[in-house]
């Protein structure tokens, strides 16, 4: 694909802000920045999927669906929608059991401003990757996937630019964790070589440092071709999907620069409330 020169006039203060973002790696020049912004606007990378499924998606010891747990005075699902809205992901699919989705829809009534939402019922537990098959008829471009039980503060748009730069089917957000102790942080152990994810183990014994999957991914629509590839079954967990993609060298790891909390217990809530 060829390129043509275009002369434009930009305010001095905007030029100063652009220059601060030029890092020579993800943003190589002023022209590269302008091209990326135009592509983002024209390609409309604005689809996000919030996963709220599974057979036990409730805060430990309670009947509260994890997306409706309050963290710092606001529910997790509200926090996620605020984050997605601010970063331009304004077409949002929420996938989960009918019971959880009904509770979310009722709690959010009147709070979805600026976001187009669609609720998709998971008829039976299909796994964190298997449920994506329910969206194949709706999604035909790249999309973000984020669990409905996490609290985050890292830059999702930077992750999207990283994903587009490296041109693979999937990008997995990975957190470097020092001496993880709680059970949920010992799951989803990722091995990387450079930026490539080379393997995904479901569980790891205690270690000083691990690279932990956050469950947050960006996928190209080709990912739908991998669903059901484990024994032809509809149920598939994210680890199964990432392992398949890693074998084909189709997964990049994006090490997050920011905080990420996986909310399973009241202890997790207390820890994340400072964010």
C-alpha atoms as a PDB file:
ATOM      1  CA  UNK A   1       0.000   0.000   0.000  1.00  0.00           C
ATOM      2  CA  UNK A   2       1.476   3.341  -1.074  1.00  0.00           C
ATOM      3  CA  UNK A   3       1.483   6.586   0.847  1.00  0.00           C
ATOM      4  CA  UNK A   4       0.933  10.201  -0.191  1.00  0.00           C
ATOM      5  CA  UNK A   5       2.227  13.363   1.403  1.00  0.00           C
ATOM      6  CA  UNK A   6      -0.356  15.606   3.071  1.00  0.00           C
ATOM      7  CA  UNK A   7       0.333  19.042   4.536  1.00  0.00           C
ATOM      8  CA  UNK A   8      -1.763  20.080   7.538  1.00  0.00           C
ATOM      9  CA  UNK A   9      -1.716  22.961  10.004  1.00  0.00           C
ATOM     10  CA  UNK A  10      -1.935  22.143  13.738  1.00  0.00           C
ATOM     11  CA  UNK A  11      -1.995  24.384  16.806  1.00  0.00           C
ATOM     12  CA  UNK A  12       1.404  24.777  18.530  1.00  0.00           C
ATOM     13  CA  UNK A  13       0.108  23.423  21.839  1.00  0.00           C
ATOM     14  CA  UNK A  14      -1.191  20.275  20.133  1.00  0.00           C
ATOM     15  CA  UNK A  15       2.183  19.800  18.448  1.00  0.00           C
ATOM     16  CA  UNK A  16       3.843  19.935  21.882  1.00  0.00           C
ATOM     17  CA  UNK A  17       1.493  17.234  23.179  1.00  0.00           C
ATOM     18  CA  UNK A  18       2.100  15.064  20.091  1.00  0.00           C
ATOM     19  CA  UNK A  19       5.864  15.368  20.495  1.00  0.00           C
ATOM     20  CA  UNK A  20       5.596  14.053  24.062  1.00  0.00           C
ATOM     21  CA  UNK A  21       3.910  10.905  22.733  1.00  0.00           C
ATOM     22  CA  UNK A  22       6.520  10.206  20.058  1.00  0.00           C
ATOM     23  CA  UNK A  23       8.625   7.435  21.643  1.00  0.00           C
ATOM     24  CA  UNK A  24      10.272   5.917  18.543  1.00  0.00           C
ATOM     25  CA  UNK A  25       8.701   2.526  19.275  1.00  0.00           C
ATOM     26  CA  UNK A  26       4.900   2.659  19.133  1.00  0.00           C
ATOM     27  CA  UNK A  27       4.696   6.243  17.865  1.00  0.00           C
ATOM     28  CA  UNK A  28       7.607   6.821  15.521  1.00  0.00           C
ATOM     29  CA  UNK A  29       6.971  10.398  14.378  1.00  0.00           C
ATOM     30  CA  UNK A  30       4.405  13.176  14.176  1.00  0.00           C
ATOM     31  CA  UNK A  31       3.154  11.762  10.880  1.00  0.00           C
ATOM     32  CA  UNK A  32       2.882   8.285  12.415  1.00  0.00           C
ATOM     33  CA  UNK A  33       0.822   9.706  15.279  1.00  0.00           C
ATOM     34  CA  UNK A  34      -1.595  11.506  12.943  1.00  0.00           C
ATOM     35  CA  UNK A  35      -1.949   8.375  10.794  1.00  0.00           C
ATOM     36  CA  UNK A  36      -2.688   6.215  13.844  1.00  0.00           C
ATOM     37  CA  UNK A  37      -5.353   8.645  15.082  1.00  0.00           C
ATOM     38  CA  UNK A  38      -7.011   8.748  11.660  1.00  0.00           C
ATOM     39  CA  UNK A  39      -6.956   4.953  11.396  1.00  0.00           C
ATOM     40  CA  UNK A  40      -8.471   4.661  14.873  1.00  0.00           C
ATOM     41  CA  UNK A  41     -11.256   7.070  13.905  1.00  0.00           C
ATOM     42  CA  UNK A  42     -11.952   5.506  10.521  1.00  0.00           C
ATOM     43  CA  UNK A  43     -11.598   1.848  11.510  1.00  0.00           C
ATOM     44  CA  UNK A  44     -13.735   2.284  14.625  1.00  0.00           C
ATOM     45  CA  UNK A  45     -11.912  -0.070  16.991  1.00  0.00           C
ATOM     46  CA  UNK A  46     -14.698   0.372  19.498  1.00  0.00           C
ATOM     47  CA  UNK A  47     -16.049  -3.083  20.374  1.00  0.00           C
ATOM     48  CA  UNK A  48     -15.613  -4.558  23.852  1.00  0.00           C
ATOM     49  CA  UNK A  49     -16.918  -7.784  25.360  1.00  0.00           C
ATOM     50  CA  UNK A  50     -17.406  -8.039  29.128  1.00  0.00           C
ATOM     51  CA  UNK A  51     -17.440 -11.641  30.377  1.00  0.00           C
ATOM     52  CA  UNK A  52     -19.814 -12.313  33.259  1.00  0.00           C
ATOM     53  CA  UNK A  53     -20.385 -16.034  32.846  1.00  0.00           C
ATOM     54  CA  UNK A  54     -19.611 -19.326  34.514  1.00  0.00           C
ATOM     55  CA  UNK A  55     -21.441 -21.378  37.106  1.00  0.00           C
ATOM     56  CA  UNK A  56     -20.227 -19.393  40.151  1.00  0.00           C
ATOM     57  CA  UNK A  57     -19.660 -15.752  39.225  1.00  0.00           C
ATOM     58  CA  UNK A  58     -20.374 -14.449  42.722  1.00  0.00           C
ATOM     59  CA  UNK A  59     -18.304 -12.806  45.444  1.00  0.00           C
ATOM     60  CA  UNK A  60     -17.083 -15.526  47.790  1.00  0.00           C
ATOM     61  CA  UNK A  61     -19.510 -16.201  50.619  1.00  0.00           C
ATOM     62  CA  UNK A  62     -22.266 -13.998  49.169  1.00  0.00           C
ATOM     63  CA  UNK A  63     -24.965 -14.051  46.521  1.00  0.00           C
ATOM     64  CA  UNK A  64     -23.668 -10.868  44.896  1.00  0.00           C
ATOM     65  CA  UNK A  65     -22.595 -11.204  41.246  1.00  0.00           C
ATOM     66  CA  UNK A  66     -18.987 -10.029  41.054  1.00  0.00           C
ATOM     67  CA  UNK A  67     -19.718  -7.262  38.484  1.00  0.00           C
ATOM     68  CA  UNK A  68     -22.126  -5.710  41.014  1.00  0.00           C
ATOM     69  CA  UNK A  69     -19.673  -5.695  43.911  1.00  0.00           C
ATOM     70  CA  UNK A  70     -18.921  -2.140  45.061  1.00  0.00           C
ATOM     71  CA  UNK A  71     -15.262  -1.131  44.982  1.00  0.00           C
ATOM     72  CA  UNK A  72     -14.557   2.347  46.280  1.00  0.00           C
ATOM     73  CA  UNK A  73     -18.211   3.372  46.136  1.00  0.00           C
ATOM     74  CA  UNK A  74     -18.903   2.199  42.586  1.00  0.00           C
ATOM     75  CA  UNK A  75     -19.756  -1.243  41.201  1.00  0.00           C
ATOM     76  CA  UNK A  76     -17.176  -3.080  39.115  1.00  0.00           C
ATOM     77  CA  UNK A  77     -19.412  -3.041  36.029  1.00  0.00           C
ATOM     78  CA  UNK A  78     -19.858   0.751  36.341  1.00  0.00           C
ATOM     79  CA  UNK A  79     -16.095   1.171  36.654  1.00  0.00           C
ATOM     80  CA  UNK A  80     -15.536  -0.936  33.549  1.00  0.00           C
ATOM     81  CA  UNK A  81     -18.132   0.971  31.533  1.00  0.00           C
ATOM     82  CA  UNK A  82     -16.629   4.303  32.600  1.00  0.00           C
ATOM     83  CA  UNK A  83     -13.188   3.075  31.536  1.00  0.00           C
ATOM     84  CA  UNK A  84     -14.428   1.742  28.193  1.00  0.00           C
ATOM     85  CA  UNK A  85     -16.413   4.914  27.483  1.00  0.00           C
ATOM     86  CA  UNK A  86     -13.407   7.142  28.172  1.00  0.00           C
ATOM     87  CA  UNK A  87     -11.204   5.094  25.852  1.00  0.00           C
ATOM     88  CA  UNK A  88     -13.695   4.970  22.980  1.00  0.00           C
ATOM     89  CA  UNK A  89     -15.050   1.426  23.318  1.00  0.00           C
ATOM     90  CA  UNK A  90     -18.684   2.434  23.020  1.00  0.00           C
ATOM     91  CA  UNK A  91     -20.161  -0.780  21.600  1.00  0.00           C
ATOM     92  CA  UNK A  92     -20.255  -3.237  24.490  1.00  0.00           C
ATOM     93  CA  UNK A  93     -21.474  -6.835  24.647  1.00  0.00           C
ATOM     94  CA  UNK A  94     -22.096  -8.298  28.108  1.00  0.00           C
ATOM     95  CA  UNK A  95     -22.136 -12.110  28.162  1.00  0.00           C
ATOM     96  CA  UNK A  96     -23.256 -14.271  31.079  1.00  0.00           C
ATOM     97  CA  UNK A  97     -26.001 -16.335  32.656  1.00  0.00           C
ATOM     98  CA  UNK A  98     -29.552 -15.002  32.459  1.00  0.00           C
ATOM     99  CA  UNK A  99     -29.639 -14.493  36.236  1.00  0.00           C
ATOM    100  CA  UNK A 100     -26.454 -12.416  36.331  1.00  0.00           C
ATOM    101  CA  UNK A 101     -27.383 -10.394  33.237  1.00  0.00           C
ATOM    102  CA  UNK A 102     -30.829  -9.589  34.632  1.00  0.00           C
ATOM    103  CA  UNK A 103     -29.220  -8.293  37.826  1.00  0.00           C
ATOM    104  CA  UNK A 104     -26.698  -6.195  35.880  1.00  0.00           C
ATOM    105  CA  UNK A 105     -29.311  -4.742  33.534  1.00  0.00           C
ATOM    106  CA  UNK A 106     -31.526  -3.781  36.460  1.00  0.00           C
ATOM    107  CA  UNK A 107     -28.639  -2.186  38.385  1.00  0.00           C
ATOM    108  CA  UNK A 108     -27.420  -0.214  35.370  1.00  0.00           C
ATOM    109  CA  UNK A 109     -30.763   1.209  34.311  1.00  0.00           C
ATOM    110  CA  UNK A 110     -30.096   4.788  33.201  1.00  0.00           C
ATOM    111  CA  UNK A 111     -26.325   4.512  33.699  1.00  0.00           C
ATOM    112  CA  UNK A 112     -25.312   3.280  30.218  1.00  0.00           C
ATOM    113  CA  UNK A 113     -25.090   6.764  28.671  1.00  0.00           C
ATOM    114  CA  UNK A 114     -22.561   6.959  25.849  1.00  0.00           C
ATOM    115  CA  UNK A 115     -22.399   3.180  25.450  1.00  0.00           C
ATOM    116  CA  UNK A 116     -24.434   0.907  23.165  1.00  0.00           C
ATOM    117  CA  UNK A 117     -25.004  -2.271  25.162  1.00  0.00           C
ATOM    118  CA  UNK A 118     -26.178  -5.705  24.127  1.00  0.00           C
ATOM    119  CA  UNK A 119     -26.760  -8.536  26.593  1.00  0.00           C
ATOM    120  CA  UNK A 120     -26.032 -12.062  25.339  1.00  0.00           C
ATOM    121  CA  UNK A 121     -27.211 -14.993  27.466  1.00  0.00           C
ATOM    122  CA  UNK A 122     -24.883 -17.937  28.009  1.00  0.00           C
ATOM    123  CA  UNK A 123     -27.348 -20.882  27.951  1.00  0.00           C
ATOM    124  CA  UNK A 124     -24.973 -23.132  29.903  1.00  0.00           C
ATOM    125  CA  UNK A 125     -21.396 -22.731  31.198  1.00  0.00           C
ATOM    126  CA  UNK A 126     -19.294 -22.586  28.013  1.00  0.00           C
ATOM    127  CA  UNK A 127     -15.957 -21.400  29.393  1.00  0.00           C
ATOM    128  CA  UNK A 128     -14.321 -17.990  29.119  1.00  0.00           C
ATOM    129  CA  UNK A 129     -13.419 -18.590  25.452  1.00  0.00           C
ATOM    130  CA  UNK A 130     -16.323 -20.788  24.398  1.00  0.00           C
ATOM    131  CA  UNK A 131     -18.840 -18.005  25.054  1.00  0.00           C
ATOM    132  CA  UNK A 132     -17.178 -15.909  22.364  1.00  0.00           C
ATOM    133  CA  UNK A 133     -18.772 -18.231  19.814  1.00  0.00           C
ATOM    134  CA  UNK A 134     -22.119 -16.661  20.724  1.00  0.00           C
ATOM    135  CA  UNK A 135     -20.828 -13.366  19.299  1.00  0.00           C
ATOM    136  CA  UNK A 136     -19.581 -14.557  15.928  1.00  0.00           C
ATOM    137  CA  UNK A 137     -22.685 -13.310  14.112  1.00  0.00           C
ATOM    138  CA  UNK A 138     -22.362  -9.855  15.679  1.00  0.00           C
ATOM    139  CA  UNK A 139     -18.626  -9.097  15.511  1.00  0.00           C
ATOM    140  CA  UNK A 140     -16.673  -8.804  12.262  1.00  0.00           C
ATOM    141  CA  UNK A 141     -13.685  -6.728  13.321  1.00  0.00           C
ATOM    142  CA  UNK A 142     -11.077  -6.745  16.097  1.00  0.00           C
ATOM    143  CA  UNK A 143     -12.464  -6.551  19.627  1.00  0.00           C
ATOM    144  CA  UNK A 144     -11.464  -6.260  23.260  1.00  0.00           C
ATOM    145  CA  UNK A 145     -12.391  -8.912  25.831  1.00  0.00           C
ATOM    146  CA  UNK A 146     -12.360  -8.093  29.538  1.00  0.00           C
ATOM    147  CA  UNK A 147     -13.570 -10.119  32.549  1.00  0.00           C
ATOM    148  CA  UNK A 148     -16.449  -8.559  34.462  1.00  0.00           C
ATOM    149  CA  UNK A 149     -14.760  -9.095  37.825  1.00  0.00           C
ATOM    150  CA  UNK A 150     -11.630  -6.973  37.441  1.00  0.00           C
ATOM    151  CA  UNK A 151     -10.637  -3.428  38.377  1.00  0.00           C
ATOM    152  CA  UNK A 152      -7.960  -1.838  36.189  1.00  0.00           C
ATOM    153  CA  UNK A 153      -6.199   1.439  35.528  1.00  0.00           C
ATOM    154  CA  UNK A 154      -3.894   0.712  32.579  1.00  0.00           C
ATOM    155  CA  UNK A 155      -4.214   2.172  29.064  1.00  0.00           C
ATOM    156  CA  UNK A 156      -6.408  -0.059  26.894  1.00  0.00           C
ATOM    157  CA  UNK A 157      -5.861   2.155  23.832  1.00  0.00           C
ATOM    158  CA  UNK A 158      -2.110   1.726  24.103  1.00  0.00           C
ATOM    159  CA  UNK A 159      -2.712  -2.015  24.225  1.00  0.00           C
ATOM    160  CA  UNK A 160      -4.814  -1.720  21.060  1.00  0.00           C
ATOM    161  CA  UNK A 161      -2.049   0.174  19.254  1.00  0.00           C
ATOM    162  CA  UNK A 162       0.451  -2.468  20.381  1.00  0.00           C
ATOM    163  CA  UNK A 163      -1.846  -5.187  19.047  1.00  0.00           C
ATOM    164  CA  UNK A 164      -2.228  -3.537  15.653  1.00  0.00           C
ATOM    165  CA  UNK A 165       1.510  -2.902  15.370  1.00  0.00           C
ATOM    166  CA  UNK A 166       2.415  -6.569  15.852  1.00  0.00           C
ATOM    167  CA  UNK A 167      -0.283  -8.059  13.601  1.00  0.00           C
ATOM    168  CA  UNK A 168      -1.236 -11.322  15.277  1.00  0.00           C
ATOM    169  CA  UNK A 169      -4.641 -12.822  15.980  1.00  0.00           C
ATOM    170  CA  UNK A 170      -4.429 -12.193  19.724  1.00  0.00           C
ATOM    171  CA  UNK A 171      -2.805  -9.966  22.298  1.00  0.00           C
ATOM    172  CA  UNK A 172      -3.001 -11.023  25.940  1.00  0.00           C
ATOM    173  CA  UNK A 173      -2.523  -8.496  28.747  1.00  0.00           C
ATOM    174  CA  UNK A 174      -0.038  -9.941  31.243  1.00  0.00           C
ATOM    175  CA  UNK A 175       0.770  -8.795  34.790  1.00  0.00           C
ATOM    176  CA  UNK A 176       4.161  -9.355  36.394  1.00  0.00           C
ATOM    177  CA  UNK A 177       3.462 -10.443  39.974  1.00  0.00           C
ATOM    178  CA  UNK A 178       5.913 -10.707  42.882  1.00  0.00           C
ATOM    179  CA  UNK A 179       5.270 -13.648  45.209  1.00  0.00           C
ATOM    180  CA  UNK A 180       1.526 -14.048  44.530  1.00  0.00           C
ATOM    181  CA  UNK A 181      -0.226 -15.663  47.483  1.00  0.00           C
ATOM    182  CA  UNK A 182      -3.979 -15.781  46.936  1.00  0.00           C
ATOM    183  CA  UNK A 183      -5.354 -18.711  44.966  1.00  0.00           C
ATOM    184  CA  UNK A 184      -6.787 -16.842  41.977  1.00  0.00           C
ATOM    185  CA  UNK A 185      -3.434 -15.179  41.302  1.00  0.00           C
ATOM    186  CA  UNK A 186      -1.767 -18.589  40.940  1.00  0.00           C
ATOM    187  CA  UNK A 187      -3.915 -19.369  37.879  1.00  0.00           C
ATOM    188  CA  UNK A 188      -3.153 -18.530  34.264  1.00  0.00           C
ATOM    189  CA  UNK A 189       0.660 -18.684  34.253  1.00  0.00           C
ATOM    190  CA  UNK A 190       2.120 -17.327  31.003  1.00  0.00           C
ATOM    191  CA  UNK A 191       5.557 -18.017  29.544  1.00  0.00           C
ATOM    192  CA  UNK A 192       6.920 -15.472  27.076  1.00  0.00           C
ATOM    193  CA  UNK A 193       9.851 -15.192  24.717  1.00  0.00           C
ATOM    194  CA  UNK A 194      10.245 -11.533  23.885  1.00  0.00           C
ATOM    195  CA  UNK A 195       6.694 -10.366  23.239  1.00  0.00           C
ATOM    196  CA  UNK A 196       5.529 -13.803  22.057  1.00  0.00           C
ATOM    197  CA  UNK A 197       3.408 -15.951  24.358  1.00  0.00           C
ATOM    198  CA  UNK A 198       4.862 -19.443  24.003  1.00  0.00           C
ATOM    199  CA  UNK A 199       2.744 -21.314  26.562  1.00  0.00           C
ATOM    200  CA  UNK A 200      -0.116 -20.939  29.013  1.00  0.00           C
ATOM    201  CA  UNK A 201      -0.353 -23.139  32.092  1.00  0.00           C
ATOM    202  CA  UNK A 202      -3.579 -23.245  34.077  1.00  0.00           C
ATOM    203  CA  UNK A 203      -1.877 -23.459  37.468  1.00  0.00           C
ATOM    204  CA  UNK A 204       1.559 -22.757  38.911  1.00  0.00           C
ATOM    205  CA  UNK A 205       3.045 -23.749  42.266  1.00  0.00           C
ATOM    206  CA  UNK A 206       4.432 -20.968  44.443  1.00  0.00           C
ATOM    207  CA  UNK A 207       7.079 -18.880  42.749  1.00  0.00           C
ATOM    208  CA  UNK A 208       8.886 -15.639  43.498  1.00  0.00           C
ATOM    209  CA  UNK A 209       7.738 -13.968  40.282  1.00  0.00           C
ATOM    210  CA  UNK A 210       5.212 -15.052  37.681  1.00  0.00           C
ATOM    211  CA  UNK A 211       3.693 -13.598  34.531  1.00  0.00           C
ATOM    212  CA  UNK A 212      -0.012 -13.876  35.153  1.00  0.00           C
ATOM    213  CA  UNK A 213      -2.748 -13.667  32.544  1.00  0.00           C
ATOM    214  CA  UNK A 214      -5.208 -10.891  33.354  1.00  0.00           C
ATOM    215  CA  UNK A 215      -7.817 -12.480  31.097  1.00  0.00           C
ATOM    216  CA  UNK A 216      -7.916  -9.226  29.112  1.00  0.00           C
ATOM    217  CA  UNK A 217      -7.378  -9.803  25.395  1.00  0.00           C
ATOM    218  CA  UNK A 218      -7.688  -8.200  22.010  1.00  0.00           C
ATOM    219  CA  UNK A 219      -8.700 -10.553  19.208  1.00  0.00           C
ATOM    220  CA  UNK A 220      -8.967 -10.368  15.457  1.00  0.00           C
ATOM    221  CA  UNK A 221     -12.145 -11.984  14.066  1.00  0.00           C
ATOM    222  CA  UNK A 222     -10.053 -14.964  12.852  1.00  0.00           C
ATOM    223  CA  UNK A 223     -10.133 -16.141  16.461  1.00  0.00           C
ATOM    224  CA  UNK A 224     -13.603 -17.546  15.840  1.00  0.00           C
ATOM    225  CA  UNK A 225     -11.975 -20.233  13.659  1.00  0.00           C
ATOM    226  CA  UNK A 226     -10.245 -21.619  16.770  1.00  0.00           C
ATOM    227  CA  UNK A 227     -13.345 -21.993  18.914  1.00  0.00           C
ATOM    228  CA  UNK A 228     -14.487 -25.572  19.365  1.00  0.00           C
ATOM    229  CA  UNK A 229     -11.050 -26.841  18.327  1.00  0.00           C
ATOM    230  CA  UNK A 230     -10.571 -28.787  21.581  1.00  0.00           C
ATOM    231  CA  UNK A 231     -12.235 -32.125  20.885  1.00  0.00           C
ATOM    232  CA  UNK A 232     -15.006 -30.372  18.978  1.00  0.00           C
ATOM    233  CA  UNK A 233     -16.562 -29.204  22.251  1.00  0.00           C
ATOM    234  CA  UNK A 234     -18.328 -25.894  22.659  1.00  0.00           C
ATOM    235  CA  UNK A 235     -16.837 -25.414  26.144  1.00  0.00           C
ATOM    236  CA  UNK A 236     -13.407 -23.812  26.032  1.00  0.00           C
ATOM    237  CA  UNK A 237     -11.507 -21.826  28.620  1.00  0.00           C
ATOM    238  CA  UNK A 238      -9.247 -18.908  27.775  1.00  0.00           C
ATOM    239  CA  UNK A 239      -6.178 -21.009  28.564  1.00  0.00           C
ATOM    240  CA  UNK A 240      -7.199 -23.578  25.937  1.00  0.00           C
ATOM    241  CA  UNK A 241      -7.659 -20.867  23.322  1.00  0.00           C
ATOM    242  CA  UNK A 242      -4.392 -19.070  24.108  1.00  0.00           C
ATOM    243  CA  UNK A 243      -2.519 -22.390  24.014  1.00  0.00           C
ATOM    244  CA  UNK A 244      -3.890 -23.146  20.554  1.00  0.00           C
ATOM    245  CA  UNK A 245      -3.008 -19.701  19.273  1.00  0.00           C
ATOM    246  CA  UNK A 246       0.457 -19.888  20.863  1.00  0.00           C
ATOM    247  CA  UNK A 247       1.188 -23.115  18.978  1.00  0.00           C
ATOM    248  CA  UNK A 248       0.504 -21.196  15.769  1.00  0.00           C
ATOM    249  CA  UNK A 249       2.628 -18.258  17.012  1.00  0.00           C
ATOM    250  CA  UNK A 250      -0.428 -16.024  16.975  1.00  0.00           C
ATOM    251  CA  UNK A 251      -0.318 -14.480  20.468  1.00  0.00           C
ATOM    252  CA  UNK A 252       1.566 -11.443  21.703  1.00  0.00           C
ATOM    253  CA  UNK A 253       1.957 -10.660  25.386  1.00  0.00           C
ATOM    254  CA  UNK A 254       1.363  -7.079  26.498  1.00  0.00           C
ATOM    255  CA  UNK A 255       2.872  -6.480  29.930  1.00  0.00           C
ATOM    256  CA  UNK A 256       0.632  -3.950  31.626  1.00  0.00           C
ATOM    257  CA  UNK A 257       1.877  -0.683  33.065  1.00  0.00           C
ATOM    258  CA  UNK A 258      -0.662  -0.023  35.781  1.00  0.00           C
ATOM    259  CA  UNK A 259      -2.789  -1.797  38.348  1.00  0.00           C
ATOM    260  CA  UNK A 260      -5.072  -4.781  37.922  1.00  0.00           C
ATOM    261  CA  UNK A 261      -7.176  -6.509  40.554  1.00  0.00           C
ATOM    262  CA  UNK A 262      -9.135  -9.743  40.147  1.00  0.00           C
ATOM    263  CA  UNK A 263     -12.095  -9.553  42.556  1.00  0.00           C
ATOM    264  CA  UNK A 264     -13.099 -12.863  44.128  1.00  0.00           C
ATOM    265  CA  UNK A 265     -13.174 -12.128  47.873  1.00  0.00           C
ATOM    266  CA  UNK A 266     -13.793  -9.301  50.331  1.00  0.00           C
ATOM    267  CA  UNK A 267     -10.027  -9.108  50.805  1.00  0.00           C
ATOM    268  CA  UNK A 268      -9.689  -8.367  47.084  1.00  0.00           C
ATOM    269  CA  UNK A 269     -12.317  -5.633  47.415  1.00  0.00           C
ATOM    270  CA  UNK A 270     -10.402  -3.957  50.250  1.00  0.00           C
ATOM    271  CA  UNK A 271      -7.161  -4.122  48.268  1.00  0.00           C
ATOM    272  CA  UNK A 272      -8.708  -2.626  45.120  1.00  0.00           C
ATOM    273  CA  UNK A 273     -10.631   0.133  46.907  1.00  0.00           C
ATOM    274  CA  UNK A 274      -7.548   2.365  46.962  1.00  0.00           C
ATOM    275  CA  UNK A 275      -7.598   2.647  43.153  1.00  0.00           C
END
